[in-house]
Amino acid sequence: MIKKLRSDEVHEKVCRRYAEIACSIKDRFKYPTGREGVFMLGYDLLVAGPISEGIIESFCGVGNPFRLGPVCPGETVLDVGCGGGFDVVMARYYTGPEGRVYGIDLVPEMAEKAGRNIVSMGLSHCEIQVAASEAIPFDDHTFDVIISNGAIYLSPLKEKTLREIYRVLKPGGRFQFADVVLHDDLPEKIADCFDGWSG
């Protein structure tokens, strides 16, 4: 009989795997990452000005949430599952000096890396917190835009995650995300093992 993974077990295994990825993404993914991934997904690095190579090389997103709609000067943005902070940096340039950008990540090592990357860029009005997507540590109706890039599929409680996103989004706000989508349900033997969540 297959042992079903509890949500806390999924969180624990996600943390363990992505703590390693925070050190290096080399050969960790089956799709382009780093500068190649940024280029293939259509990011406009000229908008952001000079971004350090370390931040670009830490990119492991599955899409480009900024292609789904504008992020405007002065807006307040949240990146759910911010990883190494590449999309936080991009959002900060779009919001300009009057905007604010926040990132949350379940994995302490990833949040720490994102924080270091932001400091290395000398960016103000940015903040990173360690937090799960199922318990977003902000008040209701805080954000104009919420972005996410390849993180929601890692949540074992997706409905709760989406309710939290809706809760902290302002009325009329936008949720712009890129993620892994299944056309059919996973077979039980895959859904109930960790590789089914993060493979």
Protein backbone atom coordinates (compact mmCIF):
# COMPACT_ATOMS: atom_id res chain seq x y z
CA MET A 1 0.00 0.00 0.00
CA ILE A 2 1.29 3.47 -0.94
CA LYS A 3 1.84 5.85 1.99
CA LYS A 4 0.28 9.23 1.22
CA LEU A 5 2.50 12.22 1.88
CA ARG A 6 1.20 14.67 4.46
CA SER A 7 1.42 18.37 3.64
CA ASP A 8 4.13 18.91 6.26
CA GLU A 9 6.17 16.10 4.70
CA VAL A 10 5.89 17.75 1.28
CA HIS A 11 7.03 21.07 2.80
CA GLU A 12 9.96 19.35 4.49
CA LYS A 13 11.08 17.65 1.29
CA VAL A 14 10.64 20.83 -0.78
CA CYS A 15 12.81 22.68 1.75
CA ARG A 16 15.48 19.99 1.61
CA ARG A 17 15.61 19.90 -2.19
CA TYR A 18 15.52 23.65 -2.73
CA ALA A 19 18.10 24.30 -0.01
CA GLU A 20 20.48 22.37 -2.27
CA ILE A 21 19.29 24.28 -5.33
CA ALA A 22 19.96 27.56 -3.51
CA CYS A 23 23.64 26.58 -3.57
CA SER A 24 23.65 25.66 -7.28
CA ILE A 25 21.05 25.09 -10.00
CA LYS A 26 23.51 23.39 -12.33
CA ASP A 27 21.98 20.20 -13.80
CA ARG A 28 18.99 20.41 -11.42
CA PHE A 29 16.27 21.04 -13.99
CA LYS A 30 15.25 19.56 -17.33
CA TYR A 31 14.51 22.98 -18.83
CA PRO A 32 16.75 26.00 -19.49
CA THR A 33 17.71 28.03 -16.44
CA GLY A 34 20.00 30.96 -15.77
CA ARG A 35 20.72 33.35 -18.63
CA GLU A 36 19.48 30.85 -21.22
CA GLY A 37 16.12 30.53 -19.45
CA VAL A 38 15.79 34.30 -19.02
CA PHE A 39 16.45 34.82 -22.73
CA MET A 40 14.10 32.04 -23.92
CA LEU A 41 11.23 33.33 -21.74
CA GLY A 42 11.42 36.83 -23.16
CA TYR A 43 12.58 38.86 -20.16
CA ASP A 44 13.66 42.38 -21.06
CA LEU A 45 16.87 42.85 -19.11
CA LEU A 46 17.31 46.32 -20.60
CA VAL A 47 14.33 47.49 -18.50
CA ALA A 48 16.12 46.59 -15.31
CA GLY A 49 19.50 47.97 -16.20
CA PRO A 50 22.55 46.11 -14.92
CA ILE A 51 21.64 42.90 -13.05
CA SER A 52 24.49 40.94 -11.55
CA GLU A 53 25.35 37.70 -13.31
CA GLY A 54 24.87 35.80 -10.04
CA ILE A 55 21.19 36.81 -9.88
CA ILE A 56 20.61 35.93 -13.53
CA GLU A 57 22.33 32.57 -13.14
CA SER A 58 20.12 31.72 -10.14
CA PHE A 59 16.96 31.99 -12.30
CA CYS A 60 15.00 28.73 -12.50
CA GLY A 61 11.47 29.91 -13.35
CA VAL A 62 9.16 28.14 -15.78
CA GLY A 63 7.72 31.26 -17.42
CA ASN A 64 7.60 35.04 -17.42
CA PRO A 65 4.79 36.51 -15.30
CA PHE A 66 5.54 40.01 -16.59
CA ARG A 67 4.34 39.04 -20.06
CA LEU A 68 0.81 38.60 -18.69
CA GLY A 69 0.31 42.27 -17.90
CA PRO A 70 2.14 45.40 -16.83
CA VAL A 71 3.55 46.11 -13.41
CA CYS A 72 3.25 49.86 -13.05
CA PRO A 73 5.23 52.55 -11.21
CA GLY A 74 4.12 52.96 -7.60
CA GLU A 75 2.46 49.56 -7.27
CA THR A 76 2.96 47.11 -4.41
CA VAL A 77 3.95 43.64 -5.58
CA LEU A 78 4.31 40.24 -3.92
CA ASP A 79 6.32 37.36 -5.41
CA VAL A 80 5.06 34.03 -4.02
CA GLY A 81 7.92 31.54 -4.02
CA CYS A 82 10.54 34.13 -4.88
CA GLY A 83 13.50 31.75 -5.06
CA GLY A 84 16.77 33.60 -5.55
CA GLY A 85 14.95 36.88 -6.15
CA PHE A 86 15.30 37.42 -9.91
CA ASP A 87 11.61 38.29 -10.39
CA VAL A 88 11.69 40.50 -7.28
CA VAL A 89 14.52 42.49 -8.86
CA MET A 90 12.62 42.77 -12.14
CA ALA A 91 9.41 43.84 -10.35
CA ARG A 92 11.32 46.46 -8.37
CA TYR A 93 12.50 48.14 -11.55
CA TYR A 94 8.97 48.17 -12.97
CA THR A 95 7.48 49.69 -9.79
CA GLY A 96 10.08 52.46 -9.64
CA PRO A 97 11.15 54.37 -6.52
CA GLU A 98 7.57 54.84 -5.26
CA GLY A 99 6.66 51.14 -5.40
CA ARG A 100 7.35 48.30 -3.00
CA VAL A 101 8.16 44.65 -3.73
CA TYR A 102 7.97 41.75 -1.30
CA GLY A 103 8.99 38.15 -1.74
CA ILE A 104 8.15 35.06 0.29
CA ASP A 105 9.73 31.63 0.07
CA LEU A 106 9.19 28.48 2.07
CA VAL A 107 12.90 27.65 1.98
CA PRO A 108 15.08 29.69 4.38
CA GLU A 109 18.16 29.24 2.20
CA MET A 110 16.30 30.60 -0.82
CA ALA A 111 14.93 33.57 1.11
CA GLU A 112 18.43 34.31 2.42
CA LYS A 113 19.83 34.14 -1.11
CA ALA A 114 17.13 36.49 -2.42
CA GLY A 115 17.89 38.91 0.41
CA ARG A 116 21.60 38.87 -0.41
CA ASN A 117 20.85 39.45 -4.09
CA ILE A 118 18.67 42.46 -3.31
CA VAL A 119 21.34 43.94 -1.04
CA SER A 120 23.99 43.35 -3.71
CA MET A 121 21.88 45.42 -6.14
CA GLY A 122 21.43 48.21 -3.61
CA LEU A 123 17.64 48.09 -4.01
CA SER A 124 15.38 49.83 -1.51
CA HIS A 125 11.71 49.14 -0.85
CA CYS A 126 12.23 45.38 -1.15
CA GLU A 127 11.68 42.80 1.59
CA ILE A 128 11.99 39.01 1.69
CA GLN A 129 10.36 36.76 4.29
CA VAL A 130 10.40 33.03 4.97
CA ALA A 131 6.78 31.92 4.62
CA ALA A 132 4.61 29.24 3.06
CA SER A 133 2.22 30.12 0.28
CA GLU A 134 -0.60 28.62 2.36
CA ALA A 135 -0.06 31.21 5.12
CA ILE A 136 0.95 34.52 3.55
CA PRO A 137 2.08 36.90 6.35
CA PHE A 138 0.36 40.07 5.11
CA ASP A 139 -2.91 41.85 5.78
CA ASP A 140 -5.95 41.54 3.55
CA HIS A 141 -5.96 43.63 0.36
CA THR A 142 -2.29 44.61 0.51
CA PHE A 143 -1.03 44.06 -3.04
CA ASP A 144 -1.77 45.55 -6.44
CA VAL A 145 -0.04 42.65 -8.20
CA ILE A 146 0.94 39.15 -7.09
CA ILE A 147 3.36 37.18 -9.22
CA SER A 148 4.59 33.62 -8.97
CA ASN A 149 6.92 31.60 -11.16
CA GLY A 150 6.96 27.83 -10.84
CA ALA A 151 6.12 27.72 -7.15
CA ILE A 152 2.41 26.99 -6.73
CA TYR A 153 2.74 23.45 -8.06
CA LEU A 154 5.01 22.73 -5.08
CA SER A 155 2.18 23.46 -2.64
CA PRO A 156 0.35 20.38 -1.35
CA LEU A 157 -2.64 22.62 -0.49
CA LYS A 158 -3.22 24.58 -3.67
CA GLU A 159 -6.76 25.70 -2.84
CA LYS A 160 -5.50 27.17 0.43
CA THR A 161 -2.65 28.88 -1.42
CA LEU A 162 -5.05 30.42 -3.93
CA ARG A 163 -7.38 31.58 -1.15
CA GLU A 164 -4.44 33.27 0.57
CA ILE A 165 -3.38 34.97 -2.66
CA TYR A 166 -6.92 36.23 -3.19
CA ARG A 167 -7.08 37.43 0.43
CA VAL A 168 -3.97 39.64 0.23
CA LEU A 169 -4.75 40.94 -3.28
CA LYS A 170 -6.46 44.31 -3.50
CA PRO A 171 -9.90 44.43 -5.15
CA GLY A 172 -9.19 44.77 -8.85
CA GLY A 173 -5.60 43.57 -8.37
CA ARG A 174 -3.87 41.17 -10.73
CA PHE A 175 -2.47 37.69 -10.18
CA GLN A 176 0.14 36.94 -12.85
CA PHE A 177 1.77 33.55 -12.62
CA ALA A 178 3.60 30.91 -14.61
CA ASP A 179 3.52 27.32 -13.44
CA VAL A 180 3.50 23.64 -14.25
CA VAL A 181 0.04 22.50 -15.34
CA LEU A 182 -1.23 18.94 -15.75
CA HIS A 183 -3.80 18.02 -18.35
CA ASP A 184 -4.71 14.83 -16.45
CA ASP A 185 -4.47 13.67 -12.85
CA LEU A 186 -1.19 12.08 -11.83
CA PRO A 187 -1.32 8.34 -11.18
CA GLU A 188 -1.63 7.73 -7.44
CA LYS A 189 1.78 6.09 -7.16
CA ILE A 190 3.38 9.28 -8.55
CA ALA A 191 1.14 11.76 -6.72
CA ASP A 192 1.96 10.09 -3.42
CA CYS A 193 5.74 10.27 -3.81
CA PHE A 194 7.92 13.37 -3.62
CA ASP A 195 9.13 13.22 -7.22
CA GLY A 196 5.51 13.72 -8.26
CA TRP A 197 5.62 17.09 -6.50
CA SER A 198 9.04 18.33 -7.48
CA GLY A 199 10.37 16.18 -10.31
